[in-house]
N, C-alpha and C. Protein backbone atom coordinates (compact mmCIF):
# COMPACT_ATOMS: atom_id res chain seq x y z
N MET A 1 33.83 -13.13 -90.94
CA MET A 1 33.34 -13.97 -92.01
C MET A 1 34.46 -14.76 -92.66
N ARG A 2 35.66 -14.24 -92.66
CA ARG A 2 36.80 -14.91 -93.27
C ARG A 2 37.05 -16.28 -92.63
N LYS A 3 36.77 -16.43 -91.33
CA LYS A 3 36.96 -17.72 -90.65
C LYS A 3 36.15 -18.82 -91.33
N HIS A 4 34.98 -18.48 -91.85
CA HIS A 4 34.12 -19.48 -92.47
C HIS A 4 34.50 -19.76 -93.90
N ILE A 5 35.11 -18.81 -94.58
CA ILE A 5 35.50 -18.99 -95.97
C ILE A 5 36.73 -19.89 -96.07
N THR A 6 37.71 -19.69 -95.21
CA THR A 6 38.95 -20.45 -95.30
C THR A 6 38.71 -21.96 -95.18
N PRO A 7 37.97 -22.46 -94.19
CA PRO A 7 37.72 -23.91 -94.15
C PRO A 7 36.99 -24.41 -95.40
N LEU A 8 36.10 -23.61 -95.94
CA LEU A 8 35.39 -24.02 -97.15
C LEU A 8 36.34 -24.14 -98.33
N LEU A 9 37.27 -23.20 -98.44
CA LEU A 9 38.25 -23.27 -99.53
C LEU A 9 39.17 -24.47 -99.35
N LEU A 10 39.57 -24.75 -98.10
CA LEU A 10 40.41 -25.92 -97.85
C LEU A 10 39.67 -27.20 -98.20
N LEU A 11 38.39 -27.27 -97.86
CA LEU A 11 37.59 -28.44 -98.19
C LEU A 11 37.47 -28.59 -99.70
N ALA A 12 37.23 -27.50 -100.39
CA ALA A 12 37.12 -27.55 -101.85
C ALA A 12 38.41 -28.03 -102.48
N ALA A 13 39.54 -27.55 -101.98
CA ALA A 13 40.84 -27.99 -102.51
C ALA A 13 41.05 -29.47 -102.25
N ALA A 14 40.66 -29.94 -101.08
CA ALA A 14 40.84 -31.36 -100.74
C ALA A 14 39.95 -32.26 -101.59
N LEU A 15 38.77 -31.78 -101.93
CA LEU A 15 37.84 -32.60 -102.71
C LEU A 15 38.15 -32.60 -104.19
N GLY A 16 38.94 -31.65 -104.65
CA GLY A 16 39.32 -31.62 -106.06
C GLY A 16 38.14 -31.36 -106.96
N SER A 17 38.01 -32.16 -108.02
CA SER A 17 37.00 -31.91 -109.06
C SER A 17 35.57 -32.09 -108.56
N SER A 18 35.37 -32.73 -107.43
CA SER A 18 34.01 -32.93 -106.94
C SER A 18 33.53 -31.74 -106.11
N ALA A 19 34.39 -30.74 -105.93
CA ALA A 19 34.03 -29.59 -105.12
C ALA A 19 33.02 -28.71 -105.85
N VAL A 20 32.23 -27.99 -105.07
CA VAL A 20 31.25 -27.08 -105.63
C VAL A 20 31.99 -26.02 -106.43
N GLY A 21 31.51 -25.75 -107.64
CA GLY A 21 32.12 -24.73 -108.48
C GLY A 21 33.27 -25.26 -109.32
N ALA A 22 33.63 -26.52 -109.19
CA ALA A 22 34.71 -27.08 -109.98
C ALA A 22 34.24 -27.30 -111.40
N ASP A 23 35.18 -27.25 -112.33
CA ASP A 23 34.88 -27.46 -113.74
C ASP A 23 34.61 -28.94 -113.98
N PRO A 24 33.36 -29.35 -114.31
CA PRO A 24 33.05 -30.77 -114.48
C PRO A 24 33.76 -31.39 -115.67
N SER A 25 34.25 -30.59 -116.62
CA SER A 25 34.93 -31.14 -117.79
C SER A 25 36.43 -31.30 -117.55
N ALA A 26 36.92 -30.88 -116.39
CA ALA A 26 38.35 -30.97 -116.09
C ALA A 26 38.75 -32.44 -115.90
N GLU A 27 40.02 -32.71 -116.16
CA GLU A 27 40.56 -34.05 -115.96
C GLU A 27 40.46 -34.43 -114.48
N PRO A 28 40.23 -35.71 -114.18
CA PRO A 28 40.15 -36.12 -112.77
C PRO A 28 41.50 -35.90 -112.08
N ALA A 29 41.45 -35.49 -110.84
CA ALA A 29 42.66 -35.25 -110.07
C ALA A 29 43.32 -36.58 -109.72
N MET A 30 44.61 -36.51 -109.48
CA MET A 30 45.32 -37.70 -109.03
C MET A 30 44.83 -38.03 -107.63
N GLN A 31 44.67 -39.30 -107.36
CA GLN A 31 44.27 -39.79 -106.06
C GLN A 31 45.44 -40.57 -105.47
N ARG A 32 45.48 -40.68 -104.15
CA ARG A 32 46.53 -41.45 -103.50
C ARG A 32 45.99 -42.83 -103.19
N TYR A 33 46.82 -43.84 -103.43
CA TYR A 33 46.46 -45.24 -103.18
C TYR A 33 47.57 -45.92 -102.40
N VAL A 34 47.18 -46.92 -101.59
CA VAL A 34 48.13 -47.81 -100.94
C VAL A 34 47.92 -49.18 -101.58
N ILE A 35 49.01 -49.75 -102.09
CA ILE A 35 48.95 -51.05 -102.75
C ILE A 35 49.68 -52.07 -101.86
N GLU A 36 48.99 -53.14 -101.55
CA GLU A 36 49.57 -54.23 -100.77
C GLU A 36 50.00 -55.30 -101.76
N ARG A 37 51.29 -55.61 -101.73
CA ARG A 37 51.85 -56.61 -102.66
C ARG A 37 52.40 -57.79 -101.85
N ASP A 38 51.86 -58.99 -102.09
CA ASP A 38 52.37 -60.19 -101.44
C ASP A 38 53.58 -60.67 -102.23
N ILE A 39 54.76 -60.55 -101.63
CA ILE A 39 56.00 -60.98 -102.26
C ILE A 39 56.79 -61.76 -101.21
N GLU A 40 56.77 -63.08 -101.34
CA GLU A 40 57.45 -63.92 -100.36
C GLU A 40 58.93 -63.55 -100.26
N GLY A 41 59.39 -63.35 -99.03
CA GLY A 41 60.79 -63.03 -98.79
C GLY A 41 61.18 -61.59 -99.12
N ALA A 42 60.21 -60.72 -99.29
CA ALA A 42 60.51 -59.33 -99.66
C ALA A 42 61.51 -58.69 -98.69
N GLY A 43 61.36 -58.98 -97.41
CA GLY A 43 62.24 -58.38 -96.42
C GLY A 43 63.67 -58.87 -96.48
N ASN A 44 63.91 -59.95 -97.21
CA ASN A 44 65.26 -60.49 -97.36
C ASN A 44 65.90 -60.11 -98.69
N MET A 45 65.23 -59.27 -99.47
CA MET A 45 65.80 -58.87 -100.76
C MET A 45 67.07 -58.06 -100.54
N THR A 46 68.05 -58.31 -101.40
CA THR A 46 69.32 -57.58 -101.32
C THR A 46 69.14 -56.17 -101.88
N VAL A 47 70.14 -55.35 -101.64
CA VAL A 47 70.12 -54.00 -102.20
C VAL A 47 70.04 -54.07 -103.72
N ALA A 48 70.78 -54.98 -104.31
CA ALA A 48 70.77 -55.12 -105.78
C ALA A 48 69.38 -55.55 -106.28
N GLU A 49 68.74 -56.46 -105.56
CA GLU A 49 67.39 -56.89 -105.95
C GLU A 49 66.38 -55.76 -105.83
N LEU A 50 66.50 -54.97 -104.76
CA LEU A 50 65.60 -53.83 -104.58
C LEU A 50 65.84 -52.78 -105.67
N GLN A 51 67.10 -52.56 -106.01
CA GLN A 51 67.42 -51.61 -107.08
C GLN A 51 66.85 -52.07 -108.41
N ALA A 52 66.96 -53.37 -108.69
CA ALA A 52 66.42 -53.90 -109.94
C ALA A 52 64.90 -53.79 -109.98
N ALA A 53 64.25 -54.06 -108.85
CA ALA A 53 62.79 -53.94 -108.79
C ALA A 53 62.37 -52.49 -109.00
N ALA A 54 63.07 -51.55 -108.37
CA ALA A 54 62.75 -50.13 -108.54
C ALA A 54 62.97 -49.69 -109.98
N ALA A 55 64.04 -50.17 -110.61
CA ALA A 55 64.31 -49.81 -112.00
C ALA A 55 63.22 -50.33 -112.92
N LYS A 56 62.77 -51.57 -112.69
CA LYS A 56 61.69 -52.16 -113.50
C LYS A 56 60.41 -51.33 -113.34
N SER A 57 60.07 -51.01 -112.10
CA SER A 57 58.87 -50.22 -111.84
C SER A 57 58.97 -48.86 -112.51
N ASN A 58 60.12 -48.20 -112.37
CA ASN A 58 60.31 -46.89 -112.97
C ASN A 58 60.17 -46.92 -114.48
N ALA A 59 60.68 -47.96 -115.12
CA ALA A 59 60.58 -48.08 -116.58
C ALA A 59 59.12 -48.19 -117.01
N VAL A 60 58.34 -49.00 -116.30
CA VAL A 60 56.92 -49.16 -116.62
C VAL A 60 56.18 -47.85 -116.37
N LEU A 61 56.48 -47.19 -115.26
CA LEU A 61 55.84 -45.91 -114.95
C LEU A 61 56.13 -44.89 -116.05
N HIS A 62 57.36 -44.86 -116.53
CA HIS A 62 57.73 -43.93 -117.60
C HIS A 62 56.88 -44.18 -118.84
N ASP A 63 56.70 -45.45 -119.19
CA ASP A 63 55.91 -45.81 -120.37
C ASP A 63 54.42 -45.48 -120.19
N LEU A 64 53.91 -45.58 -118.95
CA LEU A 64 52.50 -45.32 -118.70
C LEU A 64 52.17 -43.82 -118.71
N GLY A 65 53.15 -42.98 -118.49
CA GLY A 65 52.92 -41.54 -118.57
C GLY A 65 52.70 -40.88 -117.22
N PRO A 66 52.32 -39.61 -117.27
CA PRO A 66 52.28 -38.77 -116.07
C PRO A 66 51.07 -38.99 -115.14
N ASP A 67 50.15 -39.86 -115.50
CA ASP A 67 48.96 -40.05 -114.67
C ASP A 67 49.14 -41.08 -113.57
N ILE A 68 50.38 -41.52 -113.37
CA ILE A 68 50.68 -42.46 -112.28
C ILE A 68 52.08 -42.15 -111.77
N GLN A 69 52.19 -42.09 -110.45
CA GLN A 69 53.48 -41.77 -109.81
C GLN A 69 53.68 -42.66 -108.60
N TRP A 70 54.88 -43.18 -108.46
CA TRP A 70 55.26 -43.96 -107.29
C TRP A 70 55.80 -42.99 -106.25
N VAL A 71 55.26 -43.01 -105.05
CA VAL A 71 55.70 -42.11 -103.99
C VAL A 71 56.78 -42.79 -103.16
N GLN A 72 56.47 -43.96 -102.61
CA GLN A 72 57.43 -44.72 -101.83
C GLN A 72 56.84 -46.09 -101.50
N SER A 73 57.70 -46.97 -101.00
CA SER A 73 57.25 -48.31 -100.61
C SER A 73 57.87 -48.68 -99.27
N TYR A 74 57.12 -49.50 -98.53
CA TYR A 74 57.59 -50.03 -97.25
C TYR A 74 57.76 -51.53 -97.44
N VAL A 75 58.95 -52.02 -97.16
CA VAL A 75 59.26 -53.44 -97.33
C VAL A 75 59.15 -54.11 -95.97
N THR A 76 58.34 -55.17 -95.89
CA THR A 76 58.21 -55.94 -94.67
C THR A 76 58.59 -57.39 -94.98
N GLY A 77 58.35 -58.29 -94.07
CA GLY A 77 58.73 -59.69 -94.26
C GLY A 77 58.33 -60.28 -95.59
N ASP A 78 57.04 -60.37 -95.86
CA ASP A 78 56.55 -60.98 -97.09
C ASP A 78 55.61 -60.05 -97.87
N LYS A 79 55.74 -58.76 -97.64
CA LYS A 79 54.86 -57.81 -98.32
C LYS A 79 55.60 -56.51 -98.63
N LEU A 80 55.10 -55.83 -99.63
CA LEU A 80 55.45 -54.45 -99.88
C LEU A 80 54.17 -53.65 -99.78
N TYR A 81 54.25 -52.49 -99.14
CA TYR A 81 53.14 -51.55 -99.08
C TYR A 81 53.61 -50.33 -99.86
N CYS A 82 53.01 -50.12 -101.01
CA CYS A 82 53.45 -49.07 -101.91
C CYS A 82 52.43 -47.94 -101.93
N VAL A 83 52.93 -46.72 -101.91
CA VAL A 83 52.08 -45.54 -101.98
C VAL A 83 52.24 -44.95 -103.39
N TYR A 84 51.11 -44.80 -104.07
CA TYR A 84 51.10 -44.28 -105.43
C TYR A 84 50.09 -43.15 -105.54
N ASN A 85 50.36 -42.22 -106.43
CA ASN A 85 49.38 -41.24 -106.89
C ASN A 85 48.99 -41.68 -108.29
N ALA A 86 47.70 -41.72 -108.57
CA ALA A 86 47.26 -42.15 -109.89
C ALA A 86 45.89 -41.58 -110.19
N SER A 87 45.59 -41.48 -111.47
CA SER A 87 44.28 -40.96 -111.86
C SER A 87 43.20 -42.03 -111.73
N SER A 88 43.60 -43.31 -111.62
CA SER A 88 42.60 -44.37 -111.47
C SER A 88 43.24 -45.64 -110.90
N GLU A 89 42.40 -46.45 -110.31
CA GLU A 89 42.83 -47.76 -109.83
C GLU A 89 43.21 -48.66 -111.01
N ASP A 90 42.52 -48.50 -112.13
CA ASP A 90 42.82 -49.30 -113.32
C ASP A 90 44.26 -49.09 -113.79
N LEU A 91 44.75 -47.87 -113.68
CA LEU A 91 46.12 -47.58 -114.09
C LEU A 91 47.12 -48.28 -113.17
N ILE A 92 46.80 -48.38 -111.90
CA ILE A 92 47.65 -49.11 -110.97
C ILE A 92 47.65 -50.59 -111.32
N ARG A 93 46.49 -51.13 -111.67
CA ARG A 93 46.42 -52.55 -112.07
C ARG A 93 47.21 -52.79 -113.35
N LYS A 94 47.17 -51.84 -114.26
CA LYS A 94 47.94 -51.96 -115.51
C LYS A 94 49.43 -51.97 -115.20
N HIS A 95 49.88 -51.09 -114.31
CA HIS A 95 51.29 -51.09 -113.91
C HIS A 95 51.68 -52.44 -113.32
N ALA A 96 50.83 -52.99 -112.46
CA ALA A 96 51.12 -54.29 -111.84
C ALA A 96 51.23 -55.39 -112.89
N ALA A 97 50.32 -55.39 -113.85
CA ALA A 97 50.32 -56.43 -114.87
C ALA A 97 51.58 -56.35 -115.75
N ILE A 98 51.96 -55.15 -116.13
CA ILE A 98 53.11 -54.98 -117.01
C ILE A 98 54.42 -55.23 -116.27
N SER A 99 54.50 -54.73 -115.03
CA SER A 99 55.75 -54.84 -114.28
C SER A 99 55.97 -56.24 -113.70
N GLY A 100 54.88 -56.97 -113.50
CA GLY A 100 54.99 -58.29 -112.90
C GLY A 100 54.93 -58.27 -111.39
N PHE A 101 54.70 -57.10 -110.79
CA PHE A 101 54.56 -56.99 -109.34
C PHE A 101 53.09 -57.13 -108.99
N PRO A 102 52.75 -58.04 -108.09
CA PRO A 102 51.32 -58.22 -107.76
C PRO A 102 50.73 -56.99 -107.09
N ALA A 103 49.47 -56.78 -107.29
CA ALA A 103 48.72 -55.75 -106.57
C ALA A 103 47.56 -56.48 -105.90
N ASN A 104 47.86 -57.14 -104.78
CA ASN A 104 46.88 -57.99 -104.12
C ASN A 104 45.73 -57.20 -103.51
N ARG A 105 46.02 -55.98 -103.10
CA ARG A 105 44.97 -55.13 -102.55
C ARG A 105 45.31 -53.68 -102.86
N ILE A 106 44.35 -52.96 -103.40
CA ILE A 106 44.53 -51.54 -103.71
C ILE A 106 43.49 -50.78 -102.91
N SER A 107 43.95 -49.85 -102.09
CA SER A 107 43.04 -49.06 -101.25
C SER A 107 43.23 -47.58 -101.55
N LYS A 108 42.13 -46.92 -101.89
CA LYS A 108 42.17 -45.48 -102.11
C LYS A 108 42.26 -44.79 -100.76
N VAL A 109 43.18 -43.87 -100.62
CA VAL A 109 43.34 -43.12 -99.38
C VAL A 109 42.24 -42.06 -99.34
N MET A 110 41.44 -42.09 -98.30
CA MET A 110 40.33 -41.15 -98.17
C MET A 110 40.77 -39.85 -97.49
N THR A 111 41.66 -39.97 -96.52
CA THR A 111 42.21 -38.80 -95.84
C THR A 111 43.48 -39.24 -95.13
N VAL A 112 44.27 -38.27 -94.73
CA VAL A 112 45.52 -38.56 -94.03
C VAL A 112 45.48 -37.84 -92.69
N ILE A 113 45.86 -38.56 -91.66
CA ILE A 113 45.99 -37.93 -90.34
C ILE A 113 47.39 -38.18 -89.82
N ASP A 114 47.83 -37.35 -88.91
CA ASP A 114 49.11 -37.50 -88.25
C ASP A 114 49.00 -36.90 -86.86
N PRO A 115 50.07 -36.88 -86.08
CA PRO A 115 49.96 -36.35 -84.72
C PRO A 115 49.42 -34.92 -84.66
N THR A 116 49.66 -34.13 -85.69
CA THR A 116 49.20 -32.74 -85.67
C THR A 116 47.69 -32.64 -85.90
N THR A 117 47.05 -33.74 -86.34
CA THR A 117 45.60 -33.72 -86.57
C THR A 117 44.85 -33.39 -85.28
N ALA A 118 45.39 -33.81 -84.14
CA ALA A 118 44.75 -33.53 -82.86
C ALA A 118 44.63 -32.03 -82.62
N GLY A 119 45.59 -31.26 -83.13
CA GLY A 119 45.54 -29.81 -83.00
C GLY A 119 45.43 -29.37 -81.56
N SER A 120 45.20 -28.10 -81.41
CA SER A 120 45.02 -27.56 -80.07
C SER A 120 43.52 -27.53 -79.75
N GLN A 121 43.19 -27.81 -78.56
CA GLN A 121 41.80 -27.81 -78.11
C GLN A 121 41.45 -26.42 -77.61
N LYS A 122 40.78 -25.63 -78.45
CA LYS A 122 40.39 -24.26 -78.06
C LYS A 122 38.94 -24.19 -77.77
């Protein structure tokens, strides 16, 4: 019977507050988002420019409080793809407005897969 309980507990943990038996009055869990930012020439930014951008973002995040966290960003030719944890998409939009960094597209991460997702075929 334990085989059936463990996947259920894992599912409940993954679903957070929407899981069966969860406290409906609890604060919403942080969600993961990918933010696509159109920034012309992003891939040509110098180390100093990237440091300044990170410092600006960090200052705004500090002011917004613990319900938003920057995980990491990927810099490409004319875009940044930023991974954030936040309690809401609105908080990410607020960060973008205050920091001056565009948030052209915000996508909530529904699940994460990697090479280990394939698992063993038993």
